[in-house]
Amino acid sequence: MTDKARLVDYLANQPAGSEVLIVGFTDSVGEFDSNLNLSRQRAGQVAEEIADFAGSRLAKVAISSIGFGEIAPVNCNEEEDGRRINRRVEVWVKSPT
């Protein structure tokens, strides 16, 4: 089973009204505004791919996307390995209360 299929299975089992936020990040190379736009595009593309792959299976959850650019790195941007890790998309899930 692919990572995408496992993610869709997980999201499909969330309670109705759950919110799924796809969050994009970049490394610190380049201009801040360009990185912010890139992270938004990256997150939006992933959100579209998840929605397309899932079809109607995710009808009971709301999916949206946002980008934070180079803010909140998880690794050092001084070396390529750290920058590679910082170029990421995270999936945040908020269940209804």
C-alpha atoms as a PDB file:
ATOM      1  CA  MET A   1       0.000   0.000   0.000  1.00  0.00           C
ATOM      2  CA  THR A   2       1.345   3.436  -0.888  1.00  0.00           C
ATOM      3  CA  ASP A   3       1.792   6.284   1.586  1.00  0.00           C
ATOM      4  CA  LYS A   4      -0.967   8.187  -0.209  1.00  0.00           C
ATOM      5  CA  ALA A   5      -3.372   5.258   0.129  1.00  0.00           C
ATOM      6  CA  ARG A   6      -2.551   4.869   3.835  1.00  0.00           C
ATOM      7  CA  LEU A   7      -3.105   8.591   4.397  1.00  0.00           C
ATOM      8  CA  VAL A   8      -6.463   8.533   2.621  1.00  0.00           C
ATOM      9  CA  ASP A   9      -7.517   5.462   4.628  1.00  0.00           C
ATOM     10  CA  TYR A  10      -6.600   7.277   7.846  1.00  0.00           C
ATOM     11  CA  LEU A  11      -8.409  10.475   6.864  1.00  0.00           C
ATOM     12  CA  ALA A  12     -11.488   8.575   5.681  1.00  0.00           C
ATOM     13  CA  ASN A  13     -11.793   7.100   9.190  1.00  0.00           C
ATOM     14  CA  GLN A  14     -11.806  10.501  10.907  1.00  0.00           C
ATOM     15  CA  PRO A  15     -15.085  11.713  12.419  1.00  0.00           C
ATOM     16  CA  ALA A  16     -17.408  13.800  10.255  1.00  0.00           C
ATOM     17  CA  GLY A  17     -16.525  17.462  10.522  1.00  0.00           C
ATOM     18  CA  SER A  18     -12.799  16.879  10.908  1.00  0.00           C
ATOM     19  CA  GLU A  19     -10.518  19.496   9.362  1.00  0.00           C
ATOM     20  CA  VAL A  20      -7.419  18.490   7.411  1.00  0.00           C
ATOM     21  CA  LEU A  21      -4.789  21.161   6.832  1.00  0.00           C
ATOM     22  CA  ILE A  22      -2.001  20.476   4.361  1.00  0.00           C
ATOM     23  CA  VAL A  23       0.978  22.632   5.420  1.00  0.00           C
ATOM     24  CA  GLY A  24       3.925  23.406   3.146  1.00  0.00           C
ATOM     25  CA  PHE A  25       7.439  24.480   4.133  1.00  0.00           C
ATOM     26  CA  THR A  26      10.680  25.307   2.304  1.00  0.00           C
ATOM     27  CA  ASP A  27      14.338  25.640   3.122  1.00  0.00           C
ATOM     28  CA  SER A  28      15.860  29.108   3.609  1.00  0.00           C
ATOM     29  CA  VAL A  29      17.567  29.370   0.207  1.00  0.00           C
ATOM     30  CA  GLY A  30      16.162  32.258  -1.820  1.00  0.00           C
ATOM     31  CA  GLU A  31      13.920  35.199  -1.060  1.00  0.00           C
ATOM     32  CA  PHE A  32      11.397  34.947   1.768  1.00  0.00           C
ATOM     33  CA  ASP A  33       8.395  35.862  -0.419  1.00  0.00           C
ATOM     34  CA  SER A  34       9.399  33.358  -3.109  1.00  0.00           C
ATOM     35  CA  ASN A  35       9.751  30.633  -0.498  1.00  0.00           C
ATOM     36  CA  LEU A  36       6.367  31.528   0.965  1.00  0.00           C
ATOM     37  CA  ASN A  37       4.735  31.261  -2.467  1.00  0.00           C
ATOM     38  CA  LEU A  38       6.531  27.986  -3.181  1.00  0.00           C
ATOM     39  CA  SER A  39       5.354  26.483   0.107  1.00  0.00           C
ATOM     40  CA  ARG A  40       1.760  27.515  -0.668  1.00  0.00           C
ATOM     41  CA  GLN A  41       1.968  25.965  -4.129  1.00  0.00           C
ATOM     42  CA  ARG A  42       3.525  22.801  -2.719  1.00  0.00           C
ATOM     43  CA  ALA A  43       0.792  22.399  -0.097  1.00  0.00           C
ATOM     44  CA  GLY A  44      -1.959  23.179  -2.602  1.00  0.00           C
ATOM     45  CA  GLN A  45      -0.669  20.582  -5.034  1.00  0.00           C
ATOM     46  CA  VAL A  46      -0.549  17.907  -2.330  1.00  0.00           C
ATOM     47  CA  ALA A  47      -4.080  18.803  -1.180  1.00  0.00           C
ATOM     48  CA  GLU A  48      -5.340  18.460  -4.765  1.00  0.00           C
ATOM     49  CA  GLU A  49      -3.592  15.122  -5.231  1.00  0.00           C
ATOM     50  CA  ILE A  50      -5.053  13.744  -2.004  1.00  0.00           C
ATOM     51  CA  ALA A  51      -8.559  14.929  -2.914  1.00  0.00           C
ATOM     52  CA  ASP A  52      -8.286  13.528  -6.459  1.00  0.00           C
ATOM     53  CA  PHE A  53      -6.931  10.202  -5.230  1.00  0.00           C
ATOM     54  CA  ALA A  54      -9.599   9.871  -2.518  1.00  0.00           C
ATOM     55  CA  GLY A  55     -12.581  10.813  -4.653  1.00  0.00           C
ATOM     56  CA  SER A  56     -15.717  10.849  -2.518  1.00  0.00           C
ATOM     57  CA  ARG A  57     -14.090   8.983   0.375  1.00  0.00           C
ATOM     58  CA  LEU A  58     -13.169  12.263   2.100  1.00  0.00           C
ATOM     59  CA  ALA A  59     -16.548  13.986   1.665  1.00  0.00           C
ATOM     60  CA  LYS A  60     -17.060  14.232   5.428  1.00  0.00           C
ATOM     61  CA  VAL A  61     -13.800  16.102   6.112  1.00  0.00           C
ATOM     62  CA  ALA A  62     -12.733  19.588   5.034  1.00  0.00           C
ATOM     63  CA  ILE A  63      -9.357  19.817   3.311  1.00  0.00           C
ATOM     64  CA  SER A  64      -7.459  23.102   3.004  1.00  0.00           C
ATOM     65  CA  SER A  65      -3.847  24.130   2.505  1.00  0.00           C
ATOM     66  CA  ILE A  66      -1.441  26.799   3.709  1.00  0.00           C
ATOM     67  CA  GLY A  67       2.250  27.560   3.313  1.00  0.00           C
ATOM     68  CA  PHE A  68       4.682  28.886   5.889  1.00  0.00           C
ATOM     69  CA  GLY A  69       7.774  29.181   3.695  1.00  0.00           C
ATOM     70  CA  GLU A  70      11.051  28.893   5.568  1.00  0.00           C
ATOM     71  CA  ILE A  71       9.479  29.500   8.983  1.00  0.00           C
ATOM     72  CA  ALA A  72       9.746  26.576  11.446  1.00  0.00           C
ATOM     73  CA  PRO A  73      12.610  24.511  10.046  1.00  0.00           C
ATOM     74  CA  VAL A  74      13.023  21.047  11.526  1.00  0.00           C
ATOM     75  CA  ASN A  75      16.694  20.856  10.602  1.00  0.00           C
ATOM     76  CA  CYS A  76      19.662  23.131   9.963  1.00  0.00           C
ATOM     77  CA  ASN A  77      19.686  24.929   6.600  1.00  0.00           C
ATOM     78  CA  GLU A  78      23.499  25.051   6.448  1.00  0.00           C
ATOM     79  CA  GLU A  79      23.874  21.729   4.596  1.00  0.00           C
ATOM     80  CA  GLU A  80      21.919  20.066   1.801  1.00  0.00           C
ATOM     81  CA  ASP A  81      20.638  17.235   4.009  1.00  0.00           C
ATOM     82  CA  GLY A  82      19.090  19.735   6.413  1.00  0.00           C
ATOM     83  CA  ARG A  83      17.605  21.816   3.610  1.00  0.00           C
ATOM     84  CA  ARG A  84      16.139  18.674   2.018  1.00  0.00           C
ATOM     85  CA  ILE A  85      14.358  17.807   5.250  1.00  0.00           C
ATOM     86  CA  ASN A  86      13.019  21.357   5.585  1.00  0.00           C
ATOM     87  CA  ARG A  87      11.387  21.136   2.139  1.00  0.00           C
ATOM     88  CA  ARG A  88       8.327  19.272   3.311  1.00  0.00           C
ATOM     89  CA  VAL A  89       4.566  19.041   3.544  1.00  0.00           C
ATOM     90  CA  GLU A  90       2.832  18.102   6.785  1.00  0.00           C
ATOM     91  CA  VAL A  91      -0.739  16.922   7.329  1.00  0.00           C
ATOM     92  CA  TRP A  92      -2.497  18.365  10.379  1.00  0.00           C
ATOM     93  CA  VAL A  93      -5.817  16.897  11.470  1.00  0.00           C
ATOM     94  CA  LYS A  94      -8.271  18.600  13.802  1.00  0.00           C
ATOM     95  CA  SER A  95     -11.182  16.500  15.007  1.00  0.00           C
ATOM     96  CA  PRO A  96     -14.438  18.209  15.890  1.00  0.00           C
ATOM     97  CA  THR A  97     -14.941  18.827  19.604  1.00  0.00           C
END
